[in-house]
């Protein structure tokens, strides 16, 4: 009897611990989590489905420019459509550059160089959840990938009945194109001569006409 009693107590403690862990995970996710964007360099490419499951899988789309100048700051969006059509959260990471929030927004935050939500965001008039964010390209040329995970949730105070999906966006970073004198036609010396000759020739013509007019009126 005593051993059975201790077994029941042990099962009860395990159940309570598991419930507390599930509650803490759900609570942490509600205020944002990072490391689950699907980036293979983070947690083995893990996404929100580590904890959330059982819901209708949504469509997640990353949108923004795919050709960016080195050092330029641009704006992107992550859209969650379909799914539970109640609310959603997200996590975005980048292989290079710097992620940041759009000035004045309160629904996104930076954590450990990644982006996530501050609280579940309810759907808009199109039943979509849209998060906007900014990214500054690195100072050198190269290719960068954005990884984004969006989690469609039912706001039922748990991780059941939710479902995530992911998307990626490949960006080409390049230095601004410089225009040389040679590219304008001919060699640089000849091009430079033409550039300066035109205004100087015009000035000389004005001076000649002035002298002629002066002589006529003298």
N, C-alpha and C. Protein backbone atom coordinates (compact mmCIF):
# COMPACT_ATOMS: atom_id res chain seq x y z
N UNK A 1 0.83 -1.20 0.00
CA UNK A 1 0.00 0.00 0.00
C UNK A 1 0.87 1.26 0.00
N UNK A 2 1.94 1.24 0.82
CA UNK A 2 2.79 2.41 0.91
C UNK A 2 3.48 2.68 -0.43
N UNK A 3 3.95 1.61 -1.11
CA UNK A 3 4.63 1.80 -2.39
C UNK A 3 3.66 2.34 -3.44
N UNK A 4 2.39 1.87 -3.40
CA UNK A 4 1.40 2.38 -4.34
C UNK A 4 1.13 3.85 -4.09
N UNK A 5 1.10 4.24 -2.80
CA UNK A 5 0.86 5.63 -2.44
C UNK A 5 1.97 6.52 -2.99
N UNK A 6 3.23 6.08 -2.83
CA UNK A 6 4.34 6.87 -3.34
C UNK A 6 4.34 6.94 -4.86
N UNK A 7 3.86 5.87 -5.51
CA UNK A 7 3.78 5.87 -6.97
C UNK A 7 2.76 6.90 -7.44
N UNK A 8 1.63 6.97 -6.75
CA UNK A 8 0.60 7.95 -7.09
C UNK A 8 1.14 9.36 -6.90
N UNK A 9 1.88 9.58 -5.80
CA UNK A 9 2.46 10.91 -5.54
C UNK A 9 3.46 11.27 -6.64
N UNK A 10 4.28 10.29 -7.04
CA UNK A 10 5.28 10.54 -8.07
C UNK A 10 4.61 10.90 -9.40
N UNK A 11 3.55 10.18 -9.74
CA UNK A 11 2.81 10.47 -10.98
C UNK A 11 2.19 11.85 -10.93
N UNK A 12 1.66 12.20 -9.77
CA UNK A 12 1.04 13.52 -9.60
C UNK A 12 2.08 14.63 -9.76
N UNK A 13 3.24 14.45 -9.15
CA UNK A 13 4.31 15.46 -9.25
C UNK A 13 4.77 15.60 -10.70
N UNK A 14 4.91 14.46 -11.39
CA UNK A 14 5.34 14.50 -12.79
C UNK A 14 4.31 15.22 -13.65
N UNK A 15 3.03 14.94 -13.40
CA UNK A 15 1.96 15.57 -14.18
C UNK A 15 1.95 17.08 -13.97
N UNK A 16 2.10 17.49 -12.70
CA UNK A 16 2.11 18.92 -12.39
C UNK A 16 3.32 19.61 -13.01
N UNK A 17 4.47 18.93 -12.98
CA UNK A 17 5.69 19.50 -13.56
C UNK A 17 5.54 19.67 -15.07
N UNK A 18 4.96 18.65 -15.70
CA UNK A 18 4.75 18.71 -17.13
C UNK A 18 3.79 19.82 -17.50
N UNK A 19 2.74 19.98 -16.70
CA UNK A 19 1.76 21.05 -16.95
C UNK A 19 2.40 22.42 -16.78
N UNK A 20 3.23 22.54 -15.73
CA UNK A 20 3.92 23.81 -15.50
C UNK A 20 4.86 24.14 -16.64
N UNK A 21 5.55 23.11 -17.17
CA UNK A 21 6.45 23.33 -18.30
C UNK A 21 5.68 23.77 -19.53
N UNK A 22 4.57 23.09 -19.79
CA UNK A 22 3.74 23.46 -20.95
C UNK A 22 3.23 24.88 -20.83
N UNK A 23 2.82 25.25 -19.61
CA UNK A 23 2.32 26.60 -19.38
C UNK A 23 3.42 27.63 -19.59
N UNK A 24 4.63 27.30 -19.10
CA UNK A 24 5.74 28.26 -19.25
C UNK A 24 6.12 28.41 -20.71
N UNK A 25 6.08 27.32 -21.49
CA UNK A 25 6.39 27.40 -22.91
C UNK A 25 5.36 28.25 -23.63
N UNK A 26 4.09 28.03 -23.31
CA UNK A 26 3.02 28.81 -23.94
C UNK A 26 3.16 30.28 -23.58
N UNK A 27 3.51 30.54 -22.32
CA UNK A 27 3.67 31.92 -21.89
C UNK A 27 4.83 32.59 -22.57
N UNK A 28 5.93 31.85 -22.72
CA UNK A 28 7.11 32.42 -23.38
C UNK A 28 6.81 32.72 -24.83
N UNK A 29 6.06 31.82 -25.50
CA UNK A 29 5.73 32.02 -26.89
C UNK A 29 4.80 33.22 -27.08
N UNK A 30 3.93 33.48 -26.13
CA UNK A 30 2.98 34.58 -26.27
C UNK A 30 3.68 35.93 -26.29
N UNK A 31 4.84 36.02 -25.68
CA UNK A 31 5.59 37.28 -25.68
C UNK A 31 6.81 37.20 -26.60
N UNK A 32 6.84 36.20 -27.47
CA UNK A 32 7.88 36.10 -28.46
C UNK A 32 8.98 35.12 -28.11
N UNK A 33 9.43 34.38 -29.12
CA UNK A 33 10.56 33.47 -28.96
C UNK A 33 11.44 33.55 -30.20
N UNK A 34 12.72 33.31 -30.04
CA UNK A 34 13.65 33.30 -31.17
C UNK A 34 14.35 31.95 -31.24
N UNK A 35 15.00 31.70 -32.37
CA UNK A 35 15.67 30.42 -32.56
C UNK A 35 14.79 29.39 -33.23
N UNK A 36 13.61 29.81 -33.73
CA UNK A 36 12.68 28.87 -34.35
C UNK A 36 12.18 29.39 -35.70
N UNK A 37 13.08 30.05 -36.44
CA UNK A 37 12.70 30.63 -37.73
C UNK A 37 12.86 29.66 -38.89
N UNK A 38 13.41 28.48 -38.62
CA UNK A 38 13.69 27.53 -39.69
C UNK A 38 15.10 27.67 -40.23
N UNK A 39 15.89 28.56 -39.64
CA UNK A 39 17.28 28.75 -40.05
C UNK A 39 18.09 27.50 -39.69
N UNK A 40 18.71 26.85 -40.68
CA UNK A 40 19.46 25.61 -40.37
C UNK A 40 20.64 25.83 -39.45
N UNK A 41 21.07 27.08 -39.30
CA UNK A 41 22.19 27.37 -38.40
C UNK A 41 21.74 27.60 -36.96
N UNK A 42 20.44 27.52 -36.71
CA UNK A 42 19.90 27.75 -35.36
C UNK A 42 18.98 26.60 -34.97
N UNK A 43 19.33 25.92 -33.90
CA UNK A 43 18.50 24.81 -33.40
C UNK A 43 18.21 23.77 -34.47
N UNK A 44 19.16 23.60 -35.39
CA UNK A 44 18.98 22.57 -36.41
C UNK A 44 17.83 22.85 -37.36
N UNK A 45 17.47 24.13 -37.51
CA UNK A 45 16.37 24.48 -38.41
C UNK A 45 14.99 24.32 -37.78
N UNK A 46 14.93 24.29 -36.46
CA UNK A 46 13.65 24.10 -35.76
C UNK A 46 12.69 25.26 -36.04
N UNK A 47 11.40 24.98 -35.99
CA UNK A 47 10.36 25.99 -36.15
C UNK A 47 9.39 25.92 -34.97
N UNK A 48 8.32 26.70 -35.06
CA UNK A 48 7.34 26.76 -33.97
C UNK A 48 6.63 25.44 -33.73
N UNK A 49 6.72 24.50 -34.69
CA UNK A 49 6.02 23.22 -34.49
C UNK A 49 6.68 22.34 -33.45
N UNK A 50 7.79 22.82 -32.87
CA UNK A 50 8.39 22.11 -31.73
C UNK A 50 7.39 22.05 -30.58
N UNK A 51 6.59 23.13 -30.44
CA UNK A 51 5.62 23.19 -29.35
C UNK A 51 4.17 23.22 -29.84
N UNK A 52 3.92 23.87 -30.99
CA UNK A 52 2.55 24.09 -31.46
C UNK A 52 2.17 23.05 -32.50
N UNK A 53 0.95 22.52 -32.40
CA UNK A 53 0.49 21.51 -33.35
C UNK A 53 -1.02 21.38 -33.28
N UNK A 54 -1.57 20.65 -34.26
CA UNK A 54 -2.99 20.31 -34.24
C UNK A 54 -3.89 21.26 -35.00
N UNK A 55 -3.36 22.39 -35.46
CA UNK A 55 -4.19 23.35 -36.17
C UNK A 55 -4.06 23.25 -37.68
N UNK A 56 -4.75 24.15 -38.36
CA UNK A 56 -4.68 24.23 -39.82
C UNK A 56 -3.41 24.97 -40.21
N UNK A 57 -2.61 24.38 -41.07
CA UNK A 57 -1.33 24.98 -41.47
C UNK A 57 -1.59 26.23 -42.33
N UNK A 58 -1.00 27.37 -41.99
CA UNK A 58 -1.21 28.59 -42.75
C UNK A 58 -0.21 28.73 -43.91
N UNK A 59 -0.39 29.79 -44.68
CA UNK A 59 0.61 30.19 -45.67
C UNK A 59 1.41 31.34 -45.09
N UNK A 60 2.73 31.25 -45.15
CA UNK A 60 3.61 32.30 -44.63
C UNK A 60 4.45 32.83 -45.79
N UNK A 61 4.47 34.15 -45.93
CA UNK A 61 5.17 34.77 -47.05
C UNK A 61 6.06 35.91 -46.58
N UNK A 62 7.33 35.88 -46.99
CA UNK A 62 8.24 36.99 -46.78
C UNK A 62 8.28 37.83 -48.04
N UNK A 63 8.05 39.13 -47.92
CA UNK A 63 8.04 40.03 -49.07
C UNK A 63 8.99 41.20 -48.84
N UNK A 64 9.67 41.61 -49.92
CA UNK A 64 10.58 42.75 -49.84
C UNK A 64 11.55 42.73 -50.99
N UNK A 65 12.41 43.72 -51.10
CA UNK A 65 13.37 43.78 -52.21
C UNK A 65 14.38 42.65 -52.15
N UNK A 66 14.73 42.13 -53.32
CA UNK A 66 15.70 41.04 -53.39
C UNK A 66 17.06 41.51 -53.90
N UNK A 67 17.14 42.78 -54.32
CA UNK A 67 18.42 43.38 -54.71
C UNK A 67 18.61 44.64 -53.88
N UNK A 68 19.61 44.62 -53.01
CA UNK A 68 19.81 45.70 -52.05
C UNK A 68 21.26 46.17 -52.11
N UNK A 69 21.46 47.48 -52.04
CA UNK A 69 22.81 48.03 -52.03
C UNK A 69 23.48 47.77 -50.69
N UNK A 70 24.77 47.59 -50.70
CA UNK A 70 25.52 47.35 -49.46
C UNK A 70 25.30 48.51 -48.49
N UNK A 71 24.96 48.18 -47.25
CA UNK A 71 24.73 49.19 -46.22
C UNK A 71 23.36 49.82 -46.25
N UNK A 72 22.52 49.47 -47.21
CA UNK A 72 21.19 50.07 -47.34
C UNK A 72 20.21 49.44 -46.34
N UNK A 73 19.26 50.25 -45.85
CA UNK A 73 18.22 49.76 -44.94
C UNK A 73 16.89 49.72 -45.68
N UNK A 74 16.24 48.56 -45.67
CA UNK A 74 15.00 48.37 -46.41
C UNK A 74 13.95 47.70 -45.50
N UNK A 75 12.70 47.73 -45.96
CA UNK A 75 11.57 47.22 -45.18
C UNK A 75 11.02 45.94 -45.80
N UNK A 76 10.67 44.99 -44.95
CA UNK A 76 10.09 43.72 -45.37
C UNK A 76 8.80 43.46 -44.58
N UNK A 77 8.02 42.50 -45.06
CA UNK A 77 6.84 42.06 -44.32
C UNK A 77 6.82 40.54 -44.26
N UNK A 78 6.27 40.02 -43.18
CA UNK A 78 5.96 38.60 -43.06
C UNK A 78 4.45 38.50 -42.88
N UNK A 79 3.80 37.77 -43.77
CA UNK A 79 2.34 37.66 -43.75
C UNK A 79 1.91 36.23 -43.46
N UNK A 80 1.02 36.09 -42.50
CA UNK A 80 0.42 34.79 -42.17
C UNK A 80 -1.03 34.82 -42.67
N UNK A 81 -1.34 33.97 -43.63
CA UNK A 81 -2.70 33.90 -44.16
C UNK A 81 -3.24 32.48 -44.03
N UNK A 82 -4.56 32.38 -43.90
CA UNK A 82 -5.15 31.06 -43.69
C UNK A 82 -4.94 30.61 -42.25
N UNK A 83 -4.85 29.30 -42.07
CA UNK A 83 -4.66 28.79 -40.70
C UNK A 83 -5.90 28.97 -39.86
N UNK A 84 -5.69 29.38 -38.60
CA UNK A 84 -6.81 29.52 -37.67
C UNK A 84 -7.58 30.82 -37.89
N UNK A 85 -6.93 31.80 -38.58
CA UNK A 85 -7.54 33.10 -38.87
C UNK A 85 -8.03 33.78 -37.59
N UNK A 86 -7.22 33.67 -36.54
CA UNK A 86 -7.53 34.33 -35.26
C UNK A 86 -6.41 35.30 -34.89
N UNK A 87 -5.20 34.78 -34.77
CA UNK A 87 -4.04 35.59 -34.41
C UNK A 87 -2.77 34.85 -34.83
N UNK A 88 -1.64 35.51 -34.66
CA UNK A 88 -0.39 34.86 -35.05
C UNK A 88 0.82 35.51 -34.42
N UNK A 89 1.93 34.79 -34.45
CA UNK A 89 3.22 35.29 -34.00
C UNK A 89 4.26 34.91 -35.02
N UNK A 90 5.49 35.41 -34.86
CA UNK A 90 6.50 35.13 -35.87
C UNK A 90 7.91 35.16 -35.29
N UNK A 91 8.85 34.67 -36.10
CA UNK A 91 10.28 34.73 -35.79
C UNK A 91 11.03 34.83 -37.10
N UNK A 92 11.91 35.83 -37.22
CA UNK A 92 12.71 36.03 -38.44
C UNK A 92 14.17 36.12 -38.06
N UNK A 93 15.03 35.48 -38.85
CA UNK A 93 16.48 35.59 -38.68
C UNK A 93 17.11 35.85 -40.04
N UNK A 94 18.35 36.31 -40.03
CA UNK A 94 19.08 36.60 -41.27
C UNK A 94 20.49 36.04 -41.17
N UNK A 95 21.03 35.59 -42.29
CA UNK A 95 22.37 35.03 -42.29
C UNK A 95 23.44 36.11 -42.21
N UNK A 96 23.05 37.36 -42.46
CA UNK A 96 24.00 38.48 -42.36
C UNK A 96 23.19 39.77 -42.28
N UNK A 97 23.86 40.87 -41.99
CA UNK A 97 23.17 42.14 -41.85
C UNK A 97 22.53 42.28 -40.48
N UNK A 98 21.72 43.33 -40.32
CA UNK A 98 21.11 43.63 -39.01
C UNK A 98 19.60 43.78 -39.14
N UNK A 99 18.87 43.03 -38.34
CA UNK A 99 17.42 43.13 -38.28
C UNK A 99 17.01 44.17 -37.24
N UNK A 100 15.93 44.90 -37.50
CA UNK A 100 15.47 45.93 -36.58
C UNK A 100 13.98 46.14 -36.76
N UNK A 101 13.36 46.79 -35.79
CA UNK A 101 11.93 47.08 -35.87
C UNK A 101 11.71 48.32 -36.71
N UNK A 102 10.50 48.45 -37.24
CA UNK A 102 10.11 49.68 -37.92
C UNK A 102 9.85 50.73 -36.85
N UNK A 103 10.46 51.91 -36.95
CA UNK A 103 10.26 52.94 -35.92
C UNK A 103 8.77 53.22 -35.69
N UNK A 104 8.39 53.25 -34.42
CA UNK A 104 7.01 53.54 -34.06
C UNK A 104 6.12 52.33 -33.90
N UNK A 105 6.59 51.14 -34.28
CA UNK A 105 5.78 49.93 -34.13
C UNK A 105 5.99 49.32 -32.75
N UNK A 106 4.97 48.63 -32.26
CA UNK A 106 5.05 48.01 -30.93
C UNK A 106 4.78 46.51 -30.96
N UNK A 107 4.53 45.97 -32.15
CA UNK A 107 4.19 44.54 -32.21
C UNK A 107 5.39 43.65 -32.51
N UNK A 108 6.58 44.26 -32.71
CA UNK A 108 7.78 43.47 -32.97
C UNK A 108 8.89 43.88 -32.01
N UNK A 109 9.86 42.99 -31.82
CA UNK A 109 10.99 43.26 -30.95
C UNK A 109 12.21 42.49 -31.43
N UNK A 110 13.39 42.98 -31.08
CA UNK A 110 14.64 42.30 -31.40
C UNK A 110 15.10 41.52 -30.17
N UNK A 111 15.40 40.24 -30.37
CA UNK A 111 15.93 39.38 -29.32
C UNK A 111 17.05 38.54 -29.91
N UNK A 112 18.24 38.65 -29.32
CA UNK A 112 19.39 37.84 -29.77
C UNK A 112 19.61 37.97 -31.28
N UNK A 113 19.54 39.21 -31.78
CA UNK A 113 19.77 39.53 -33.20
C UNK A 113 18.70 38.97 -34.12
N UNK A 114 17.60 38.47 -33.57
CA UNK A 114 16.48 38.02 -34.39
C UNK A 114 15.24 38.85 -34.06
N UNK A 115 14.19 38.68 -34.85
CA UNK A 115 12.94 39.41 -34.63
C UNK A 115 11.84 38.45 -34.22
N UNK A 116 10.96 38.94 -33.34
CA UNK A 116 9.80 38.16 -32.94
C UNK A 116 8.70 39.13 -32.50
N UNK A 117 7.54 38.58 -32.18
CA UNK A 117 6.40 39.40 -31.78
C UNK A 117 6.50 39.76 -30.30
N UNK A 118 5.80 40.81 -29.91
CA UNK A 118 5.71 41.17 -28.49
C UNK A 118 4.49 40.54 -27.84
N UNK A 119 3.49 40.20 -28.66
CA UNK A 119 2.26 39.55 -28.20
C UNK A 119 1.56 39.00 -29.44
N UNK A 120 0.70 37.98 -29.30
CA UNK A 120 -0.02 37.50 -30.47
C UNK A 120 -0.79 38.65 -31.13
N UNK A 121 -0.67 38.73 -32.44
CA UNK A 121 -1.32 39.81 -33.19
C UNK A 121 -2.57 39.28 -33.88
N UNK A 122 -3.69 39.94 -33.66
CA UNK A 122 -4.95 39.47 -34.25
C UNK A 122 -4.98 39.76 -35.75
N UNK A 123 -5.83 39.02 -36.46
CA UNK A 123 -5.92 39.16 -37.90
C UNK A 123 -6.49 40.52 -38.29
N UNK A 124 -6.16 40.96 -39.50
CA UNK A 124 -6.69 42.22 -40.01
C UNK A 124 -7.99 41.97 -40.76
N UNK A 125 -8.44 42.97 -41.52
CA UNK A 125 -9.70 42.84 -42.24
C UNK A 125 -9.70 41.77 -43.31
N UNK A 126 -8.51 41.35 -43.74
CA UNK A 126 -8.40 40.28 -44.74
C UNK A 126 -8.14 38.91 -44.10
N UNK A 127 -8.27 38.85 -42.78
CA UNK A 127 -7.98 37.63 -42.01
C UNK A 127 -6.50 37.23 -42.12
N UNK A 128 -5.65 38.22 -42.35
CA UNK A 128 -4.21 37.98 -42.37
C UNK A 128 -3.55 38.62 -41.15
N UNK A 129 -2.40 38.10 -40.79
CA UNK A 129 -1.56 38.72 -39.76
C UNK A 129 -0.29 39.19 -40.45
N UNK A 130 -0.02 40.48 -40.38
CA UNK A 130 1.11 41.05 -41.11
C UNK A 130 2.06 41.74 -40.13
N UNK A 131 3.32 41.33 -40.17
CA UNK A 131 4.37 41.98 -39.37
C UNK A 131 5.35 42.67 -40.33
N UNK A 132 5.65 43.94 -40.05
CA UNK A 132 6.64 44.68 -40.83
C UNK A 132 7.92 44.82 -40.02
N UNK A 133 9.05 44.76 -40.72
CA UNK A 133 10.33 44.92 -40.04
C UNK A 133 11.34 45.49 -41.02
N UNK A 134 12.49 45.89 -40.50
CA UNK A 134 13.53 46.48 -41.34
C UNK A 134 14.82 45.66 -41.24
N UNK A 135 15.64 45.81 -42.25
CA UNK A 135 16.91 45.07 -42.31
C UNK A 135 17.95 45.95 -42.98
N UNK A 136 19.14 46.02 -42.38
CA UNK A 136 20.25 46.76 -42.96
C UNK A 136 21.24 45.77 -43.56
N UNK A 137 21.54 45.94 -44.84
CA UNK A 137 22.44 45.04 -45.54
C UNK A 137 23.86 45.19 -45.03
N UNK A 138 24.66 44.15 -45.12
CA UNK A 138 26.08 44.25 -44.73
C UNK A 138 26.82 45.21 -45.66
N UNK A 139 28.01 45.61 -45.25
CA UNK A 139 28.78 46.59 -46.01
C UNK A 139 29.49 45.99 -47.21
N UNK A 140 29.50 44.67 -47.31
CA UNK A 140 30.18 44.00 -48.41
C UNK A 140 29.20 43.25 -49.29
N UNK A 141 29.59 43.04 -50.55
CA UNK A 141 28.74 42.31 -51.50
C UNK A 141 28.59 40.85 -51.07
N UNK A 142 27.47 40.26 -51.48
CA UNK A 142 27.26 38.85 -51.17
C UNK A 142 25.79 38.49 -51.22
N UNK A 143 25.49 37.27 -50.81
CA UNK A 143 24.12 36.77 -50.79
C UNK A 143 23.69 36.53 -49.35
N UNK A 144 22.48 36.97 -49.04
CA UNK A 144 21.93 36.83 -47.70
C UNK A 144 20.56 36.16 -47.79
N UNK A 145 20.24 35.33 -46.81
CA UNK A 145 18.93 34.68 -46.76
C UNK A 145 18.19 35.08 -45.49
N UNK A 146 16.94 35.48 -45.67
CA UNK A 146 16.05 35.70 -44.53
C UNK A 146 15.23 34.44 -44.30
N UNK A 147 15.14 34.02 -43.05
CA UNK A 147 14.31 32.87 -42.67
C UNK A 147 13.16 33.38 -41.81
N UNK A 148 11.95 33.00 -42.16
CA UNK A 148 10.80 33.46 -41.39
C UNK A 148 9.83 32.34 -41.06
N UNK A 149 9.39 32.28 -39.81
CA UNK A 149 8.37 31.33 -39.37
C UNK A 149 7.18 32.12 -38.84
N UNK A 150 6.00 31.74 -39.27
CA UNK A 150 4.78 32.36 -38.78
C UNK A 150 3.89 31.31 -38.15
N UNK A 151 3.36 31.61 -36.98
CA UNK A 151 2.55 30.65 -36.24
C UNK A 151 1.10 31.16 -36.16
N UNK A 152 0.18 30.41 -36.75
CA UNK A 152 -1.23 30.75 -36.68
C UNK A 152 -1.84 30.10 -35.45
N UNK A 153 -2.36 30.92 -34.52
CA UNK A 153 -2.82 30.40 -33.23
C UNK A 153 -4.31 30.68 -33.02
N UNK A 154 -4.90 29.89 -32.11
CA UNK A 154 -6.33 30.04 -31.82
C UNK A 154 -6.61 30.79 -30.52
N UNK A 155 -5.54 31.23 -29.84
CA UNK A 155 -5.66 31.97 -28.57
C UNK A 155 -6.45 31.20 -27.52
N UNK A 156 -6.24 29.88 -27.49
CA UNK A 156 -6.94 29.04 -26.52
C UNK A 156 -6.09 28.76 -25.29
N UNK A 157 -5.10 29.64 -24.99
CA UNK A 157 -4.25 29.51 -23.81
C UNK A 157 -3.50 28.18 -23.77
N UNK A 158 -2.95 27.80 -24.89
CA UNK A 158 -2.16 26.58 -24.96
C UNK A 158 -1.52 26.48 -26.33
N UNK A 159 -0.84 25.37 -26.58
CA UNK A 159 -0.16 25.18 -27.86
C UNK A 159 -0.91 24.23 -28.79
N UNK A 160 -2.05 23.70 -28.34
CA UNK A 160 -2.83 22.80 -29.18
C UNK A 160 -3.76 23.62 -30.08
N UNK A 161 -4.01 23.08 -31.27
CA UNK A 161 -4.90 23.76 -32.20
C UNK A 161 -4.22 24.89 -32.95
N UNK A 162 -2.91 24.97 -32.87
CA UNK A 162 -2.13 25.98 -33.59
C UNK A 162 -1.32 25.28 -34.69
N UNK A 163 -0.79 26.08 -35.62
CA UNK A 163 0.06 25.50 -36.66
C UNK A 163 0.96 26.57 -37.27
N UNK A 164 2.24 26.25 -37.48
CA UNK A 164 3.17 27.18 -38.10
C UNK A 164 3.49 26.80 -39.55
N UNK A 165 4.14 27.73 -40.24
CA UNK A 165 4.71 27.46 -41.54
C UNK A 165 5.89 28.40 -41.72
N UNK A 166 6.69 28.19 -42.75
CA UNK A 166 7.91 28.98 -42.92
C UNK A 166 8.05 29.47 -44.36
N UNK A 167 8.95 30.44 -44.53
CA UNK A 167 9.31 30.92 -45.85
C UNK A 167 10.74 31.46 -45.79
N UNK A 168 11.39 31.55 -46.95
CA UNK A 168 12.72 32.13 -47.03
C UNK A 168 12.74 33.17 -48.15
N UNK A 169 13.68 34.11 -48.05
CA UNK A 169 13.86 35.12 -49.09
C UNK A 169 15.35 35.33 -49.31
N UNK A 170 15.79 35.10 -50.54
CA UNK A 170 17.20 35.26 -50.89
C UNK A 170 17.43 36.68 -51.42
N UNK A 171 18.46 37.34 -50.88
CA UNK A 171 18.75 38.73 -51.23
C UNK A 171 20.17 38.83 -51.76
N UNK A 172 20.33 39.59 -52.85
CA UNK A 172 21.65 39.87 -53.41
C UNK A 172 22.09 41.26 -52.96
N UNK A 173 23.22 41.33 -52.29
CA UNK A 173 23.77 42.60 -51.81
C UNK A 173 24.92 43.01 -52.72
N UNK A 174 24.86 44.22 -53.25
CA UNK A 174 25.91 44.69 -54.14
C UNK A 174 26.22 46.15 -53.88
N UNK A 175 27.46 46.55 -54.17
CA UNK A 175 27.87 47.93 -54.00
C UNK A 175 27.23 48.80 -55.07
N UNK A 176 26.95 50.09 -54.76
CA UNK A 176 26.38 50.99 -55.77
C UNK A 176 27.31 51.08 -56.98
N UNK A 177 26.72 51.12 -58.18
CA UNK A 177 27.50 51.20 -59.41
C UNK A 177 28.08 52.60 -59.58
N UNK A 178 29.39 52.68 -59.77
CA UNK A 178 30.05 53.97 -59.98
C UNK A 178 30.18 54.24 -61.47
N UNK A 179 30.00 55.49 -61.87
CA UNK A 179 30.10 55.88 -63.27
C UNK A 179 31.45 56.53 -63.51
N UNK A 180 32.26 55.94 -64.38
CA UNK A 180 33.57 56.48 -64.70
C UNK A 180 33.49 57.33 -65.96
N UNK A 181 34.49 58.18 -66.16
CA UNK A 181 34.54 58.99 -67.36
C UNK A 181 34.67 58.12 -68.60
N UNK A 182 35.39 57.03 -68.48
CA UNK A 182 35.59 56.13 -69.62
C UNK A 182 34.26 55.55 -70.08
N UNK A 183 33.35 55.24 -69.10
CA UNK A 183 32.09 54.62 -69.45
C UNK A 183 31.20 55.56 -70.23
N UNK A 184 31.52 56.86 -70.23
CA UNK A 184 30.70 57.82 -70.95
C UNK A 184 31.08 57.89 -72.42
N UNK A 185 32.11 57.17 -72.87
CA UNK A 185 32.51 57.14 -74.27
C UNK A 185 33.92 57.66 -74.44
N UNK A 186 34.75 56.91 -75.18
CA UNK A 186 36.12 57.33 -75.38
C UNK A 186 36.95 57.10 -74.14
N UNK A 187 38.19 57.57 -74.21
CA UNK A 187 39.03 57.43 -73.04
C UNK A 187 38.75 58.56 -72.06
N UNK A 188 39.24 58.41 -70.83
CA UNK A 188 38.91 59.36 -69.77
C UNK A 188 39.38 60.77 -70.09
N UNK A 189 40.56 60.91 -70.70
CA UNK A 189 41.10 62.24 -70.99
C UNK A 189 40.23 62.96 -72.01
N UNK A 190 39.84 62.24 -73.07
CA UNK A 190 39.01 62.86 -74.10
C UNK A 190 37.65 63.24 -73.56
N UNK A 191 37.09 62.36 -72.72
CA UNK A 191 35.78 62.65 -72.13
C UNK A 191 35.84 63.86 -71.23
N UNK A 192 36.90 63.93 -70.41
CA UNK A 192 37.05 65.08 -69.53
C UNK A 192 37.21 66.37 -70.33
N UNK A 193 37.93 66.30 -71.47
CA UNK A 193 38.12 67.48 -72.31
C UNK A 193 36.78 67.96 -72.86
N UNK A 194 35.94 67.03 -73.28
CA UNK A 194 34.63 67.42 -73.81
C UNK A 194 33.76 68.03 -72.72
N UNK A 195 33.84 67.49 -71.50
CA UNK A 195 33.02 68.00 -70.42
C UNK A 195 33.37 69.45 -70.12
N UNK A 196 34.67 69.76 -70.12
CA UNK A 196 35.08 71.13 -69.80
C UNK A 196 35.00 72.06 -71.01
N UNK A 197 35.14 71.54 -72.22
CA UNK A 197 35.16 72.38 -73.41
C UNK A 197 33.81 73.04 -73.66
N UNK A 198 32.72 72.30 -73.40
CA UNK A 198 31.39 72.84 -73.70
C UNK A 198 31.09 74.10 -72.92
N UNK A 199 31.22 74.14 -71.57
CA UNK A 199 30.93 75.38 -70.86
C UNK A 199 31.94 76.49 -71.14
N UNK A 200 33.23 76.10 -71.32
CA UNK A 200 34.24 77.11 -71.60
C UNK A 200 34.02 77.74 -72.98
N UNK A 201 33.62 76.91 -73.95
CA UNK A 201 33.33 77.44 -75.27
C UNK A 201 32.16 78.39 -75.25
N UNK A 202 31.15 78.06 -74.47
CA UNK A 202 30.00 78.95 -74.36
C UNK A 202 30.37 80.27 -73.72
N UNK A 203 31.22 80.23 -72.71
CA UNK A 203 31.65 81.46 -72.05
C UNK A 203 32.46 82.33 -73.01
N UNK A 204 33.33 81.70 -73.81
CA UNK A 204 34.13 82.45 -74.78
C UNK A 204 33.24 83.14 -75.81
N UNK A 205 32.18 82.44 -76.25
CA UNK A 205 31.25 83.01 -77.22
C UNK A 205 30.55 84.22 -76.64
N UNK A 206 30.15 84.16 -75.39
CA UNK A 206 29.49 85.29 -74.74
C UNK A 206 30.42 86.49 -74.67
N UNK A 207 31.71 86.25 -74.35
CA UNK A 207 32.68 87.34 -74.27
C UNK A 207 32.89 87.99 -75.63
N UNK A 208 32.97 87.18 -76.69
CA UNK A 208 33.17 87.72 -78.04
C UNK A 208 31.99 88.59 -78.45
N UNK A 209 30.78 88.11 -78.21
CA UNK A 209 29.59 88.88 -78.56
C UNK A 209 29.53 90.19 -77.77
N UNK A 210 30.01 90.15 -76.53
CA UNK A 210 30.04 91.36 -75.71
C UNK A 210 31.00 92.39 -76.27
N UNK A 211 32.15 91.89 -76.68
CA UNK A 211 33.16 92.82 -77.26
C UNK A 211 32.63 93.45 -78.54
N UNK A 212 32.00 92.65 -79.40
CA UNK A 212 31.45 93.17 -80.66
C UNK A 212 30.40 94.24 -80.40
N UNK A 213 29.51 93.96 -79.44
CA UNK A 213 28.45 94.93 -79.12
C UNK A 213 29.06 96.21 -78.57
N UNK A 214 30.11 96.07 -77.75
CA UNK A 214 30.75 97.25 -77.16
C UNK A 214 31.35 98.12 -78.25
N UNK A 215 32.02 97.52 -79.24
CA UNK A 215 32.65 98.28 -80.32
C UNK A 215 31.61 99.01 -81.17
N UNK A 216 30.45 98.38 -81.37
CA UNK A 216 29.40 99.03 -82.17
C UNK A 216 28.81 100.23 -81.49
N UNK A 217 28.74 100.17 -80.16
CA UNK A 217 28.12 101.26 -79.42
C UNK A 217 29.13 102.33 -79.02
N UNK A 218 30.45 102.04 -79.21
CA UNK A 218 31.48 103.01 -78.80
C UNK A 218 31.60 104.15 -79.82
